[in-house]
Structure formats: structure tokens, C-alpha cells
Amino acid sequence: MQGPQGIQPAVFTSLPRMGTATPIRSVCQYCGNYIITVTTPVPGVLTWMLCTGLFVFG
């Protein structure tokens, strides 16, 4: 007899990018459940180039 299995959060990386960092309430297109999105900012190449330029010339 197996014990109860925990529910793992689903991670979908193929969804389109959103234009805002504000969490949005939506319906999951895969399972139909109501979800609240979570955003994680990731610094891009331009951010690193600007930081390097400020460090070198600042």
C-alpha cells in the first residue's frame, strides 16, 4: 500500500511572454483549473552590457 502522493506544481515554459510582472488570475489551458501566474525577472544581455559599461566607464 502506497502513501498519499504530494501534488507537485506544474511548470509550463512554452506559454507566451506576458507584458507585465503583475500576477494574473487565469484558467489553465491543460487542466482547466483556476491558476495565478508567477513571474520571475531574469536579467538579459542588455542589462549585463549596461552594467559592464557603467563599471568600466563610471
C-alpha atoms as a PDB file:
ATOM      1  CA  MET A   1       0.000   0.000   0.000  1.00  0.00           C
ATOM      2  CA  GLN A   2       1.456   3.326  -1.052  1.00  0.00           C
ATOM      3  CA  GLY A   3       1.187   6.525   0.944  1.00  0.00           C
ATOM      4  CA  PRO A   4      -0.514   9.666  -0.398  1.00  0.00           C
ATOM      5  CA  GLN A   5       1.458  11.431  -3.055  1.00  0.00           C
ATOM      6  CA  GLY A   6       2.033  15.180  -2.818  1.00  0.00           C
ATOM      7  CA  ILE A   7       0.758  17.410  -5.565  1.00  0.00           C
ATOM      8  CA  GLN A   8       3.636  18.969  -7.470  1.00  0.00           C
ATOM      9  CA  PRO A   9       3.170  22.385  -9.105  1.00  0.00           C
ATOM     10  CA  ALA A  10       3.175  22.255 -12.895  1.00  0.00           C
ATOM     11  CA  VAL A  11       5.772  24.333 -14.712  1.00  0.00           C
ATOM     12  CA  PHE A  12       4.916  25.357 -18.260  1.00  0.00           C
ATOM     13  CA  THR A  13       7.741  27.096 -20.088  1.00  0.00           C
ATOM     14  CA  SER A  14       6.125  27.195 -23.517  1.00  0.00           C
ATOM     15  CA  LEU A  15       3.480  29.784 -22.632  1.00  0.00           C
ATOM     16  CA  PRO A  16       3.738  33.192 -24.338  1.00  0.00           C
ATOM     17  CA  ARG A  17       5.525  36.016 -22.563  1.00  0.00           C
ATOM     18  CA  MET A  18       3.376  38.436 -20.627  1.00  0.00           C
ATOM     19  CA  GLY A  19       3.847  42.188 -20.775  1.00  0.00           C
ATOM     20  CA  THR A  20       3.518  42.707 -17.039  1.00  0.00           C
ATOM     21  CA  ALA A  21       5.108  41.418 -13.841  1.00  0.00           C
ATOM     22  CA  THR A  22       1.761  41.545 -12.025  1.00  0.00           C
ATOM     23  CA  PRO A  23       0.301  38.121 -11.151  1.00  0.00           C
ATOM     24  CA  ILE A  24      -2.705  37.322 -13.334  1.00  0.00           C
ATOM     25  CA  ARG A  25      -5.613  35.036 -12.490  1.00  0.00           C
ATOM     26  CA  SER A  26      -6.371  32.717 -15.387  1.00  0.00           C
ATOM     27  CA  VAL A  27      -7.679  29.279 -16.351  1.00  0.00           C
ATOM     28  CA  CYS A  28      -5.066  26.616 -17.159  1.00  0.00           C
ATOM     29  CA  GLN A  29      -5.421  25.531 -20.775  1.00  0.00           C
ATOM     30  CA  TYR A  30      -4.251  22.000 -19.935  1.00  0.00           C
ATOM     31  CA  CYS A  31      -6.269  21.021 -16.859  1.00  0.00           C
ATOM     32  CA  GLY A  32      -8.985  23.712 -16.629  1.00  0.00           C
ATOM     33  CA  ASN A  33      -8.091  24.746 -13.055  1.00  0.00           C
ATOM     34  CA  TYR A  34      -8.015  28.368 -11.941  1.00  0.00           C
ATOM     35  CA  ILE A  35      -4.411  29.487 -11.526  1.00  0.00           C
ATOM     36  CA  ILE A  36      -2.474  32.594 -10.531  1.00  0.00           C
ATOM     37  CA  THR A  37       0.638  33.259 -12.599  1.00  0.00           C
ATOM     38  CA  VAL A  38       4.046  33.803 -11.024  1.00  0.00           C
ATOM     39  CA  THR A  39       6.726  35.854 -12.749  1.00  0.00           C
ATOM     40  CA  THR A  40      10.460  35.735 -12.152  1.00  0.00           C
ATOM     41  CA  PRO A  41      12.594  38.540 -13.578  1.00  0.00           C
ATOM     42  CA  VAL A  42      15.689  37.366 -15.462  1.00  0.00           C
ATOM     43  CA  PRO A  43      18.406  39.852 -16.468  1.00  0.00           C
ATOM     44  CA  GLY A  44      19.094  39.811 -20.192  1.00  0.00           C
ATOM     45  CA  VAL A  45      22.179  40.532 -22.269  1.00  0.00           C
ATOM     46  CA  LEU A  46      21.448  44.267 -22.499  1.00  0.00           C
ATOM     47  CA  THR A  47      21.281  44.533 -18.709  1.00  0.00           C
ATOM     48  CA  TRP A  48      24.686  42.905 -18.315  1.00  0.00           C
ATOM     49  CA  MET A  49      26.195  45.074 -21.070  1.00  0.00           C
ATOM     50  CA  LEU A  50      24.916  48.267 -19.432  1.00  0.00           C
ATOM     51  CA  CYS A  51      26.227  47.193 -16.017  1.00  0.00           C
ATOM     52  CA  THR A  52      29.630  46.363 -17.510  1.00  0.00           C
ATOM     53  CA  GLY A  53      29.733  49.709 -19.356  1.00  0.00           C
ATOM     54  CA  LEU A  54      28.890  51.617 -16.172  1.00  0.00           C
ATOM     55  CA  PHE A  55      31.560  49.694 -14.268  1.00  0.00           C
ATOM     56  CA  VAL A  56      34.275  50.328 -16.877  1.00  0.00           C
ATOM     57  CA  PHE A  57      33.450  53.954 -17.718  1.00  0.00           C
ATOM     58  CA  GLY A  58      31.842  55.033 -14.450  1.00  0.00           C
END
